[in-house]
C-alpha atoms as a PDB file:
ATOM      1  CA  MET A   1     -86.012-107.723 133.930  1.00  0.00           C
ATOM      2  CA  ALA A   2     -88.450-110.312 134.812  1.00  0.00           C
ATOM      3  CA  SER A   3     -87.053-113.639 133.496  1.00  0.00           C
ATOM      4  CA  GLU A   4     -89.192-115.872 130.912  1.00  0.00           C
ATOM      5  CA  THR A   5     -88.615-119.094 132.895  1.00  0.00           C
ATOM      6  CA  GLN A   6     -89.700-117.859 136.482  1.00  0.00           C
ATOM      7  CA  PHE A   7     -93.677-118.432 135.232  1.00  0.00           C
ATOM      8  CA  SER A   8     -93.713-121.680 134.076  1.00  0.00           C
ATOM      9  CA  SER A   9     -96.051-124.183 135.487  1.00  0.00           C
ATOM     10  CA  PRO A  10     -94.416-125.362 139.194  1.00  0.00           C
ATOM     11  CA  GLU A  11     -96.588-128.703 138.697  1.00  0.00           C
ATOM     12  CA  ASP A  12     -94.874-130.052 134.744  1.00  0.00           C
ATOM     13  CA  GLY A  13     -92.012-127.017 133.975  1.00  0.00           C
ATOM     14  CA  THR A  14     -95.076-126.595 130.834  1.00  0.00           C
ATOM     15  CA  ASP A  15     -96.221-122.957 130.709  1.00  0.00           C
ATOM     16  CA  ARG A  16     -99.749-122.005 131.381  1.00  0.00           C
ATOM     17  CA  ILE A  17    -102.073-119.418 130.214  1.00  0.00           C
ATOM     18  CA  LEU A  18    -104.251-117.770 131.453  1.00  0.00           C
ATOM     19  CA  ARG A  19    -107.777-116.829 130.557  1.00  0.00           C
ATOM     20  CA  VAL A  20    -108.734-113.252 130.993  1.00  0.00           C
ATOM     21  CA  GLY A  21    -111.576-111.931 132.102  1.00  0.00           C
ATOM     22  CA  ILE A  22    -111.846-107.889 131.903  1.00  0.00           C
ATOM     23  CA  ILE A  23    -115.015-105.429 133.400  1.00  0.00           C
ATOM     24  CA  GLY A  24    -114.626-102.436 131.680  1.00  0.00           C
ATOM     25  CA  CYS A  25    -113.765-101.612 128.364  1.00  0.00           C
ATOM     26  CA  GLY A  26    -112.849 -97.749 128.317  1.00  0.00           C
ATOM     27  CA  GLU A  27    -110.011 -96.276 127.630  1.00  0.00           C
ATOM     28  CA  ILE A  28    -107.029 -97.684 129.961  1.00  0.00           C
ATOM     29  CA  SER A  29    -108.211-101.348 128.762  1.00  0.00           C
ATOM     30  CA  GLN A  30    -107.802 -99.914 125.262  1.00  0.00           C
ATOM     31  CA  VAL A  31    -104.861 -98.335 125.779  1.00  0.00           C
ATOM     32  CA  ALA A  32    -103.004-100.502 128.071  1.00  0.00           C
ATOM     33  CA  HIS A  33    -104.610-104.427 129.541  1.00  0.00           C
ATOM     34  CA  ILE A  34    -105.479-105.280 125.805  1.00  0.00           C
ATOM     35  CA  PRO A  35    -102.971-104.517 123.967  1.00  0.00           C
ATOM     36  CA  ASN A  36    -100.250-105.884 126.810  1.00  0.00           C
ATOM     37  CA  ILE A  37    -102.583-108.943 126.896  1.00  0.00           C
ATOM     38  CA  ASN A  38    -101.936-109.437 123.359  1.00  0.00           C
ATOM     39  CA  PHE A  39     -98.382-108.723 123.503  1.00  0.00           C
ATOM     40  CA  LEU A  40     -98.064-111.313 126.527  1.00  0.00           C
ATOM     41  CA  ALA A  41     -99.858-113.959 124.605  1.00  0.00           C
ATOM     42  CA  HIS A  42     -97.668-116.804 126.156  1.00  0.00           C
ATOM     43  CA  ARG A  43     -98.824-115.604 129.324  1.00  0.00           C
ATOM     44  CA  PHE A  44    -102.336-114.386 128.717  1.00  0.00           C
ATOM     45  CA  ARG A  45    -105.580-114.394 126.646  1.00  0.00           C
ATOM     46  CA  THR A  46    -108.790-112.312 126.779  1.00  0.00           C
ATOM     47  CA  THR A  47    -111.685-114.741 126.467  1.00  0.00           C
ATOM     48  CA  TYR A  48    -114.453-112.580 128.199  1.00  0.00           C
ATOM     49  CA  LEU A  49    -115.034-108.756 127.966  1.00  0.00           C
ATOM     50  CA  CYS A  50    -117.625-107.227 129.824  1.00  0.00           C
ATOM     51  CA  ASP A  51    -119.130-103.127 129.626  1.00  0.00           C
ATOM     52  CA  ILE A  52    -122.548-102.041 129.483  1.00  0.00           C
ATOM     53  CA  SER A  53    -121.853-100.116 126.200  1.00  0.00           C
ATOM     54  CA  ASP A  54    -122.240-102.157 123.649  1.00  0.00           C
ATOM     55  CA  LYS A  55    -120.404-100.239 120.833  1.00  0.00           C
ATOM     56  CA  SER A  56    -117.578-100.352 123.510  1.00  0.00           C
ATOM     57  CA  LEU A  57    -117.992-104.003 123.705  1.00  0.00           C
ATOM     58  CA  ARG A  58    -117.739-104.609 119.846  1.00  0.00           C
ATOM     59  CA  HIS A  59    -114.861-102.234 119.510  1.00  0.00           C
ATOM     60  CA  CYS A  60    -112.669-103.913 122.101  1.00  0.00           C
ATOM     61  CA  ALA A  61    -113.355-107.416 121.180  1.00  0.00           C
ATOM     62  CA  GLN A  62    -111.910-106.409 117.601  1.00  0.00           C
ATOM     63  CA  LYS A  63    -108.829-105.827 119.167  1.00  0.00           C
ATOM     64  CA  VAL A  64    -108.296-108.934 121.318  1.00  0.00           C
ATOM     65  CA  LEU A  65    -106.108-111.714 119.405  1.00  0.00           C
ATOM     66  CA  GLY A  66    -106.186-114.968 119.913  1.00  0.00           C
ATOM     67  CA  GLY A  67    -109.899-116.058 119.006  1.00  0.00           C
ATOM     68  CA  THR A  68    -112.745-114.030 119.511  1.00  0.00           C
ATOM     69  CA  PRO A  69    -113.698-113.438 123.404  1.00  0.00           C
ATOM     70  CA  LYS A  70    -117.488-113.768 124.808  1.00  0.00           C
ATOM     71  CA  THR A  71    -119.067-110.033 125.510  1.00  0.00           C
ATOM     72  CA  THR A  72    -121.254-109.744 128.286  1.00  0.00           C
ATOM     73  CA  SER A  73    -123.039-106.981 130.382  1.00  0.00           C
ATOM     74  CA  SER A  74    -122.863-108.889 133.217  1.00  0.00           C
ATOM     75  CA  ALA A  75    -119.661-108.969 135.644  1.00  0.00           C
ATOM     76  CA  GLU A  76    -121.583-111.825 137.585  1.00  0.00           C
ATOM     77  CA  GLU A  77    -121.951-113.397 134.838  1.00  0.00           C
ATOM     78  CA  LEU A  78    -117.697-112.975 133.471  1.00  0.00           C
ATOM     79  CA  CYS A  79    -116.663-113.767 136.764  1.00  0.00           C
ATOM     80  CA  SER A  80    -118.351-116.687 137.655  1.00  0.00           C
ATOM     81  CA  SER A  81    -117.331-118.265 134.107  1.00  0.00           C
ATOM     82  CA  PRO A  82    -115.323-121.240 133.769  1.00  0.00           C
ATOM     83  CA  ASN A  83    -113.503-119.674 130.784  1.00  0.00           C
ATOM     84  CA  VAL A  84    -112.177-117.524 133.117  1.00  0.00           C
ATOM     85  CA  ASP A  85    -108.974-117.643 135.526  1.00  0.00           C
ATOM     86  CA  VAL A  86    -108.347-113.805 136.125  1.00  0.00           C
ATOM     87  CA  VAL A  87    -109.931-111.209 136.178  1.00  0.00           C
ATOM     88  CA  ILE A  88    -109.539-107.469 135.620  1.00  0.00           C
ATOM     89  CA  ILE A  89    -111.780-104.660 136.743  1.00  0.00           C
ATOM     90  CA  ALA A  90    -111.228-101.284 135.119  1.00  0.00           C
ATOM     91  CA  ASN A  91    -114.830 -99.655 135.154  1.00  0.00           C
ATOM     92  CA  ALA A  92    -115.405 -96.757 136.887  1.00  0.00           C
ATOM     93  CA  ASP A  93    -114.124 -96.526 140.653  1.00  0.00           C
ATOM     94  CA  ALA A  94    -117.306 -97.049 142.030  1.00  0.00           C
ATOM     95  CA  TYR A  95    -117.791-100.695 141.080  1.00  0.00           C
ATOM     96  CA  HIS A  96    -114.171-101.715 141.964  1.00  0.00           C
ATOM     97  CA  VAL A  97    -115.360-103.194 144.975  1.00  0.00           C
ATOM     98  CA  GLU A  98    -118.449-104.632 143.897  1.00  0.00           C
ATOM     99  CA  HIS A  99    -117.130-106.915 141.507  1.00  0.00           C
ATOM    100  CA  GLY A 100    -113.747-107.508 143.633  1.00  0.00           C
ATOM    101  CA  LEU A 101    -116.149-109.118 145.479  1.00  0.00           C
ATOM    102  CA  LEU A 102    -117.514-111.035 142.651  1.00  0.00           C
ATOM    103  CA  ALA A 103    -113.972-112.209 141.269  1.00  0.00           C
ATOM    104  CA  LEU A 104    -113.612-113.559 145.392  1.00  0.00           C
ATOM    105  CA  LYS A 105    -116.510-115.160 145.511  1.00  0.00           C
ATOM    106  CA  ASN A 106    -115.037-117.397 142.694  1.00  0.00           C
ATOM    107  CA  ASP A 107    -112.244-117.915 143.848  1.00  0.00           C
ATOM    108  CA  LYS A 108    -110.068-115.248 141.551  1.00  0.00           C
ATOM    109  CA  TYR A 109    -107.538-113.690 141.417  1.00  0.00           C
ATOM    110  CA  CYS A 110    -108.384-110.221 140.091  1.00  0.00           C
ATOM    111  CA  LEU A 111    -106.444-106.765 139.400  1.00  0.00           C
ATOM    112  CA  ILE A 112    -108.389-104.051 140.637  1.00  0.00           C
ATOM    113  CA  GLU A 113    -107.072-100.477 139.074  1.00  0.00           C
ATOM    114  CA  LYS A 114    -106.505 -97.905 141.052  1.00  0.00           C
ATOM    115  CA  PRO A 115    -108.059 -96.675 143.431  1.00  0.00           C
ATOM    116  CA  ALA A 116    -109.036 -99.996 144.641  1.00  0.00           C
ATOM    117  CA  SER A 117    -111.875 -98.266 146.603  1.00  0.00           C
ATOM    118  CA  ILE A 118    -112.467 -94.748 148.046  1.00  0.00           C
ATOM    119  CA  CYS A 119    -113.246 -95.453 151.784  1.00  0.00           C
ATOM    120  CA  PHE A 120    -112.857 -97.704 154.628  1.00  0.00           C
ATOM    121  CA  ARG A 121    -116.001 -99.090 154.842  1.00  0.00           C
ATOM    122  CA  ASP A 122    -115.552-100.921 151.363  1.00  0.00           C
ATOM    123  CA  ILE A 123    -111.969-101.479 151.400  1.00  0.00           C
ATOM    124  CA  ASP A 124    -112.437-103.641 154.583  1.00  0.00           C
ATOM    125  CA  THR A 125    -115.303-105.449 153.239  1.00  0.00           C
ATOM    126  CA  LEU A 126    -112.860-106.489 150.104  1.00  0.00           C
ATOM    127  CA  ILE A 127    -109.946-107.194 153.000  1.00  0.00           C
ATOM    128  CA  GLU A 128    -112.619-109.440 154.555  1.00  0.00           C
ATOM    129  CA  ALA A 129    -114.021-111.264 151.475  1.00  0.00           C
ATOM    130  CA  GLU A 130    -109.927-112.434 150.908  1.00  0.00           C
ATOM    131  CA  LYS A 131    -110.032-114.370 154.011  1.00  0.00           C
ATOM    132  CA  THR A 132    -112.617-116.875 152.691  1.00  0.00           C
ATOM    133  CA  SER A 133    -111.320-116.455 149.187  1.00  0.00           C
ATOM    134  CA  ARG A 134    -108.888-118.694 146.585  1.00  0.00           C
ATOM    135  CA  GLY A 135    -107.884-115.610 145.057  1.00  0.00           C
ATOM    136  CA  LYS A 136    -106.358-112.069 145.871  1.00  0.00           C
ATOM    137  CA  VAL A 137    -106.983-109.075 145.180  1.00  0.00           C
ATOM    138  CA  PHE A 138    -103.869-107.144 143.215  1.00  0.00           C
ATOM    139  CA  VAL A 139    -103.977-103.116 142.949  1.00  0.00           C
ATOM    140  CA  GLY A 140    -102.773-102.291 139.081  1.00  0.00           C
ATOM    141  CA  THR A 141    -100.107 -99.351 140.563  1.00  0.00           C
ATOM    142  CA  MET A 142     -98.045-100.276 137.670  1.00  0.00           C
ATOM    143  CA  ARG A 143     -95.057 -97.735 138.482  1.00  0.00           C
ATOM    144  CA  ARG A 144     -93.918 -99.880 141.967  1.00  0.00           C
ATOM    145  CA  TYR A 145     -93.397-102.621 139.011  1.00  0.00           C
ATOM    146  CA  ALA A 146     -91.028-100.839 137.226  1.00  0.00           C
ATOM    147  CA  THR A 147     -87.686-101.922 137.572  1.00  0.00           C
ATOM    148  CA  ALA A 148     -86.064 -98.263 137.812  1.00  0.00           C
ATOM    149  CA  PHE A 149     -88.689 -97.749 140.730  1.00  0.00           C
ATOM    150  CA  LEU A 150     -87.298-101.078 141.951  1.00  0.00           C
ATOM    151  CA  ASP A 151     -83.937-100.070 141.597  1.00  0.00           C
ATOM    152  CA  ALA A 152     -84.636 -96.494 143.139  1.00  0.00           C
ATOM    153  CA  VAL A 153     -86.106 -98.283 146.411  1.00  0.00           C
ATOM    154  CA  GLN A 154     -82.656 -99.957 146.346  1.00  0.00           C
ATOM    155  CA  GLU A 155     -80.974 -96.500 146.051  1.00  0.00           C
ATOM    156  CA  VAL A 156     -82.579 -94.870 148.415  1.00  0.00           C
ATOM    157  CA  GLY A 157     -82.470 -97.331 151.164  1.00  0.00           C
ATOM    158  CA  GLY A 158     -79.184 -96.542 151.995  1.00  0.00           C
ATOM    159  CA  MET A 159     -79.294 -92.928 152.596  1.00  0.00           C
ATOM    160  CA  GLU A 160     -79.994 -90.089 154.840  1.00  0.00           C
ATOM    161  CA  LYS A 161     -83.117 -89.186 153.898  1.00  0.00           C
ATOM    162  CA  ASN A 162     -83.890 -84.632 153.583  1.00  0.00           C
ATOM    163  CA  THR A 163     -86.590 -84.287 151.509  1.00  0.00           C
ATOM    164  CA  LEU A 164     -88.798 -86.259 148.746  1.00  0.00           C
ATOM    165  CA  GLY A 165     -91.090 -85.100 145.844  1.00  0.00           C
ATOM    166  CA  THR A 166     -93.365 -87.544 144.429  1.00  0.00           C
ATOM    167  CA  HIS A 167     -95.701 -87.872 142.111  1.00  0.00           C
ATOM    168  CA  ASP A 168     -97.779 -91.419 143.825  1.00  0.00           C
ATOM    169  CA  LEU A 169     -98.899 -91.737 147.385  1.00  0.00           C
ATOM    170  CA  SER A 170     -98.458 -95.700 146.785  1.00  0.00           C
ATOM    171  CA  ALA A 171     -94.500 -95.497 145.380  1.00  0.00           C
ATOM    172  CA  MET A 172     -94.182 -92.693 148.332  1.00  0.00           C
ATOM    173  CA  ARG A 173     -95.278 -95.009 150.858  1.00  0.00           C
ATOM    174  CA  GLU A 174     -92.809 -98.025 149.392  1.00  0.00           C
ATOM    175  CA  ILE A 175     -89.945 -96.060 149.297  1.00  0.00           C
ATOM    176  CA  ILE A 176     -89.679 -94.393 152.929  1.00  0.00           C
ATOM    177  CA  GLY A 177     -93.373 -95.595 154.564  1.00  0.00           C
ATOM    178  CA  MET A 178     -95.913 -93.907 156.069  1.00  0.00           C
ATOM    179  CA  PRO A 179     -95.610 -90.125 157.711  1.00  0.00           C
ATOM    180  CA  GLN A 180     -96.258 -88.914 160.460  1.00  0.00           C
ATOM    181  CA  ALA A 181     -98.358 -86.363 159.861  1.00  0.00           C
ATOM    182  CA  VAL A 182     -99.938 -84.122 156.688  1.00  0.00           C
ATOM    183  CA  VAL A 183     -98.651 -80.263 157.514  1.00  0.00           C
ATOM    184  CA  GLY A 184    -100.461 -78.442 155.286  1.00  0.00           C
ATOM    185  CA  ALA A 185    -102.496 -79.117 151.895  1.00  0.00           C
ATOM    186  CA  ILE A 186    -103.584 -76.874 149.088  1.00  0.00           C
ATOM    187  CA  LEU A 187    -106.330 -78.717 147.152  1.00  0.00           C
ATOM    188  CA  LYS A 188    -108.076 -76.237 144.785  1.00  0.00           C
ATOM    189  CA  LEU A 189    -109.062 -77.905 142.074  1.00  0.00           C
ATOM    190  CA  PRO A 190    -108.516 -77.376 138.613  1.00  0.00           C
ATOM    191  CA  GLY A 191    -104.729 -77.285 138.657  1.00  0.00           C
ATOM    192  CA  ILE A 192    -102.219 -78.574 140.355  1.00  0.00           C
ATOM    193  CA  PHE A 193    -102.330 -79.738 144.411  1.00  0.00           C
ATOM    194  CA  SER A 194     -99.652 -79.591 146.607  1.00  0.00           C
ATOM    195  CA  VAL A 195     -99.477 -81.919 150.423  1.00  0.00           C
ATOM    196  CA  LEU A 196     -96.369 -80.947 152.560  1.00  0.00           C
ATOM    197  CA  PHE A 197     -95.839 -84.361 155.140  1.00  0.00           C
ATOM    198  CA  GLN A 198     -93.784 -84.322 158.300  1.00  0.00           C
ATOM    199  CA  TYR A 199     -91.645 -87.909 158.402  1.00  0.00           C
ATOM    200  CA  ALA A 200     -89.485 -88.144 161.587  1.00  0.00           C
ATOM    201  CA  GLY A 201     -86.460 -85.855 160.697  1.00  0.00           C
ATOM    202  CA  PHE A 202     -87.008 -84.889 157.528  1.00  0.00           C
ATOM    203  CA  PRO A 203     -90.078 -83.020 155.187  1.00  0.00           C
ATOM    204  CA  VAL A 204     -92.007 -85.024 151.638  1.00  0.00           C
ATOM    205  CA  THR A 205     -93.411 -82.462 149.213  1.00  0.00           C
ATOM    206  CA  TYR A 206     -95.989 -84.306 146.827  1.00  0.00           C
ATOM    207  CA  GLU A 207     -97.398 -82.531 143.758  1.00  0.00           C
ATOM    208  CA  SER A 208     -99.976 -83.747 141.437  1.00  0.00           C
ATOM    209  CA  GLY A 209    -103.043 -82.289 138.677  1.00  0.00           C
ATOM    210  CA  LEU A 210    -103.379 -81.580 135.271  1.00  0.00           C
ATOM    211  CA  SER A 211    -101.978 -79.044 133.237  1.00  0.00           C
ATOM    212  CA  GLY A 212    -102.538 -77.776 129.997  1.00  0.00           C
ATOM    213  CA  VAL A 213     -98.937 -78.359 128.688  1.00  0.00           C
ATOM    214  CA  PRO A 214     -98.648 -81.519 126.422  1.00  0.00           C
ATOM    215  CA  GLU A 215     -96.043 -83.134 128.597  1.00  0.00           C
ATOM    216  CA  PHE A 216     -95.936 -85.799 130.560  1.00  0.00           C
ATOM    217  CA  ASP A 217     -94.343 -85.286 133.774  1.00  0.00           C
ATOM    218  CA  ALA A 218     -94.181 -88.122 136.566  1.00  0.00           C
ATOM    219  CA  HIS A 219     -91.265 -88.680 138.559  1.00  0.00           C
ATOM    220  CA  ILE A 220     -89.858 -89.170 142.423  1.00  0.00           C
ATOM    221  CA  GLU A 221     -86.982 -87.441 143.206  1.00  0.00           C
ATOM    222  CA  VAL A 222     -85.136 -87.933 146.737  1.00  0.00           C
ATOM    223  CA  TYR A 223     -82.511 -85.957 148.075  1.00  0.00           C
ATOM    224  CA  SER A 224     -79.692 -86.297 150.400  1.00  0.00           C
ATOM    225  CA  SER A 225     -76.436 -84.766 151.153  1.00  0.00           C
ATOM    226  CA  GLU A 226     -74.621 -87.228 149.601  1.00  0.00           C
ATOM    227  CA  LYS A 227     -77.016 -88.382 146.894  1.00  0.00           C
ATOM    228  CA  ILE A 228     -79.966 -87.243 144.297  1.00  0.00           C
ATOM    229  CA  VAL A 229     -82.136 -90.314 143.576  1.00  0.00           C
ATOM    230  CA  LYS A 230     -84.957 -89.686 140.528  1.00  0.00           C
ATOM    231  CA  VAL A 231     -87.286 -91.887 138.925  1.00  0.00           C
ATOM    232  CA  GLU A 232     -88.803 -90.835 135.723  1.00  0.00           C
ATOM    233  CA  PHE A 233     -91.956 -92.253 134.341  1.00  0.00           C
ATOM    234  CA  ASP A 234     -93.211 -92.288 130.464  1.00  0.00           C
ATOM    235  CA  THR A 235     -96.363 -91.885 129.219  1.00  0.00           C
ATOM    236  CA  PRO A 236     -98.197 -95.441 129.425  1.00  0.00           C
ATOM    237  CA  TYR A 237     -99.942 -94.395 126.297  1.00  0.00           C
ATOM    238  CA  ILE A 238     -97.091 -95.385 123.900  1.00  0.00           C
ATOM    239  CA  LYS A 239     -95.812 -98.878 124.586  1.00  0.00           C
ATOM    240  CA  GLY A 240     -92.701 -99.697 125.804  1.00  0.00           C
ATOM    241  CA  LEU A 241     -91.687 -96.807 126.721  1.00  0.00           C
ATOM    242  CA  PRO A 242     -89.394 -97.785 130.151  1.00  0.00           C
ATOM    243  CA  ALA A 243     -89.015 -96.034 133.386  1.00  0.00           C
ATOM    244  CA  ILE A 244     -85.688 -94.227 133.915  1.00  0.00           C
ATOM    245  CA  VAL A 245     -83.830 -93.817 137.059  1.00  0.00           C
ATOM    246  CA  THR A 246     -81.043 -91.065 137.581  1.00  0.00           C
ATOM    247  CA  ILE A 247     -78.517 -91.171 140.400  1.00  0.00           C
ATOM    248  CA  ARG A 248     -76.411 -87.932 141.229  1.00  0.00           C
ATOM    249  CA  GLU A 249     -73.713 -88.162 143.386  1.00  0.00           C
ATOM    250  CA  LYS A 250     -70.739 -86.917 145.333  1.00  0.00           C
ATOM    251  CA  VAL A 251     -67.684 -88.500 144.485  1.00  0.00           C
ATOM    252  CA  GLY A 252     -64.501 -87.098 146.989  1.00  0.00           C
ATOM    253  CA  ASN A 253     -64.736 -83.589 145.820  1.00  0.00           C
ATOM    254  CA  GLY A 254     -66.313 -84.625 142.141  1.00  0.00           C
ATOM    255  CA  TYR A 255     -70.075 -84.811 141.019  1.00  0.00           C
ATOM    256  CA  GLN A 256     -70.521 -87.771 139.081  1.00  0.00           C
ATOM    257  CA  GLU A 257     -74.054 -89.197 136.883  1.00  0.00           C
ATOM    258  CA  ARG A 258     -75.506 -92.103 136.622  1.00  0.00           C
ATOM    259  CA  LYS A 259     -78.791 -92.711 134.370  1.00  0.00           C
ATOM    260  CA  ILE A 260     -79.520 -96.232 134.541  1.00  0.00           C
ATOM    261  CA  ARG A 261     -82.029 -98.267 132.058  1.00  0.00           C
ATOM    262  CA  LYS A 262     -82.041-101.848 132.296  1.00  0.00           C
ATOM    263  CA  THR A 263     -85.110-102.499 130.430  1.00  0.00           C
ATOM    264  CA  TYR A 264     -86.929-101.566 127.783  1.00  0.00           C
ATOM    265  CA  GLN A 265     -90.034-103.591 128.889  1.00  0.00           C
ATOM    266  CA  ASP A 266     -92.539-100.707 130.678  1.00  0.00           C
ATOM    267  CA  ALA A 267     -94.153-100.788 133.874  1.00  0.00           C
ATOM    268  CA  TYR A 268     -97.831-102.112 132.159  1.00  0.00           C
ATOM    269  CA  THR A 269     -96.225-105.484 131.107  1.00  0.00           C
ATOM    270  CA  LEU A 270     -94.113-105.637 134.675  1.00  0.00           C
ATOM    271  CA  GLU A 271     -97.132-105.295 136.321  1.00  0.00           C
ATOM    272  CA  MET A 272     -98.567-108.382 134.510  1.00  0.00           C
ATOM    273  CA  LEU A 273     -96.025-110.694 134.657  1.00  0.00           C
ATOM    274  CA  GLU A 274     -96.030-110.504 138.718  1.00  0.00           C
ATOM    275  CA  PHE A 275     -99.884-110.435 138.469  1.00  0.00           C
ATOM    276  CA  TYR A 276     -99.536-113.753 136.606  1.00  0.00           C
ATOM    277  CA  ASP A 277     -96.613-114.916 139.293  1.00  0.00           C
ATOM    278  CA  CYS A 278     -99.124-113.991 141.511  1.00  0.00           C
ATOM    279  CA  ALA A 279    -102.082-115.904 140.027  1.00  0.00           C
ATOM    280  CA  VAL A 280    -100.184-118.977 138.977  1.00  0.00           C
ATOM    281  CA  ASN A 281     -97.957-119.508 142.262  1.00  0.00           C
ATOM    282  CA  GLY A 282    -100.736-118.371 145.193  1.00  0.00           C
ATOM    283  CA  LYS A 283     -98.598-115.477 146.160  1.00  0.00           C
ATOM    284  CA  THR A 284     -99.863-112.295 147.756  1.00  0.00           C
ATOM    285  CA  PRO A 285     -99.153-109.156 145.674  1.00  0.00           C
ATOM    286  CA  LYS A 286     -97.287-106.705 147.562  1.00  0.00           C
ATOM    287  CA  SER A 287    -100.225-104.019 146.112  1.00  0.00           C
ATOM    288  CA  SER A 288    -102.505-105.901 147.957  1.00  0.00           C
ATOM    289  CA  ALA A 289    -105.966-104.496 149.605  1.00  0.00           C
ATOM    290  CA  GLU A 290    -104.641-104.264 152.833  1.00  0.00           C
ATOM    291  CA  ASP A 291    -101.648-102.043 151.506  1.00  0.00           C
ATOM    292  CA  ALA A 292    -104.554-100.334 149.368  1.00  0.00           C
ATOM    293  CA  ARG A 293    -106.060 -99.403 152.516  1.00  0.00           C
ATOM    294  CA  LYS A 294    -102.903 -97.192 153.577  1.00  0.00           C
ATOM    295  CA  ASP A 295    -103.684 -94.890 150.289  1.00  0.00           C
ATOM    296  CA  ILE A 296    -106.955 -94.218 152.261  1.00  0.00           C
ATOM    297  CA  GLU A 297    -105.637 -93.197 155.374  1.00  0.00           C
ATOM    298  CA  LEU A 298    -103.440 -91.035 153.739  1.00  0.00           C
ATOM    299  CA  PHE A 299    -105.957 -89.398 151.575  1.00  0.00           C
ATOM    300  CA  GLU A 300    -108.161 -88.550 154.881  1.00  0.00           C
ATOM    301  CA  MET A 301    -104.988 -86.747 156.673  1.00  0.00           C
ATOM    302  CA  ILE A 302    -104.230 -84.772 153.037  1.00  0.00           C
ATOM    303  CA  MET A 303    -108.350 -84.101 153.355  1.00  0.00           C
ATOM    304  CA  LYS A 304    -108.805 -82.501 156.894  1.00  0.00           C
ATOM    305  CA  ALA A 305    -105.371 -80.583 156.545  1.00  0.00           C
ATOM    306  CA  GLY A 306    -106.575 -79.260 153.409  1.00  0.00           C
ATOM    307  CA  PHE A 307    -110.232 -78.232 154.438  1.00  0.00           C
ATOM    308  CA  LYS A 308    -108.880 -76.751 157.320  1.00  0.00           C
ATOM    309  CA  ALA A 309    -106.269 -74.869 155.432  1.00  0.00           C
ATOM    310  CA  THR A 310    -109.346 -73.389 153.518  1.00  0.00           C
END
């Protein structure tokens, strides 16, 4: 669990509140970002909103605590404002890089919702822009900041890995790295699509998609001959639902199951606290633009295998 003291200003020991500009006032900003910033009022305050919809701007402005934010339809106006310290980019995927470049041009850290980019050309442009900016890109793969996920990474680190089923490619990479190849992929949508990755000595299965069953099912599960580690993520649409790690293992001739929930801080809250730490202390996020490039490499491998299969 993150402590409050570690995010204090290093200069004078007082807390600094970061002024946030949000580009994109749609679903994810309404459900997650604005409520989380309100919840973390000792770290953040929303001062600027940007969207092409006047209705969305009015709606979101009413949800902001701590003062009425300025509103605009111009991302450039928001990014260049002296009343904005950091930028959250949560609009359509096609504009993530364009607006990330505006934030970096103005030397501001930006949290870009996933995917940061959908092609190599754009992500490489973002990576190059970081080299001449005091700002950095923080990609919003929030599940990688959940305490249960970090615990699972530690548990899996000592396992002789045999196989893994995962919901999130970025999280998969953090646990076991990049695969050697994609053995096969079924990409028929709508529905569930499946991928089989080949690692050195063990396979990995990946499934994702939409089902009509009203149940949120997002998990990562790793199997070995002696231990099974499973991380379960609950829906992000209900505030405060924690991720849980379950460890099942052989103990002597018997069986032991441990279910661990160290904190009730949800993944979005933990992600925002890490974003704060990076921005205030000049740290490079683990979910950086360069890290996000690996996801595009994975998608390229998947698409080549999937289209070959059809």
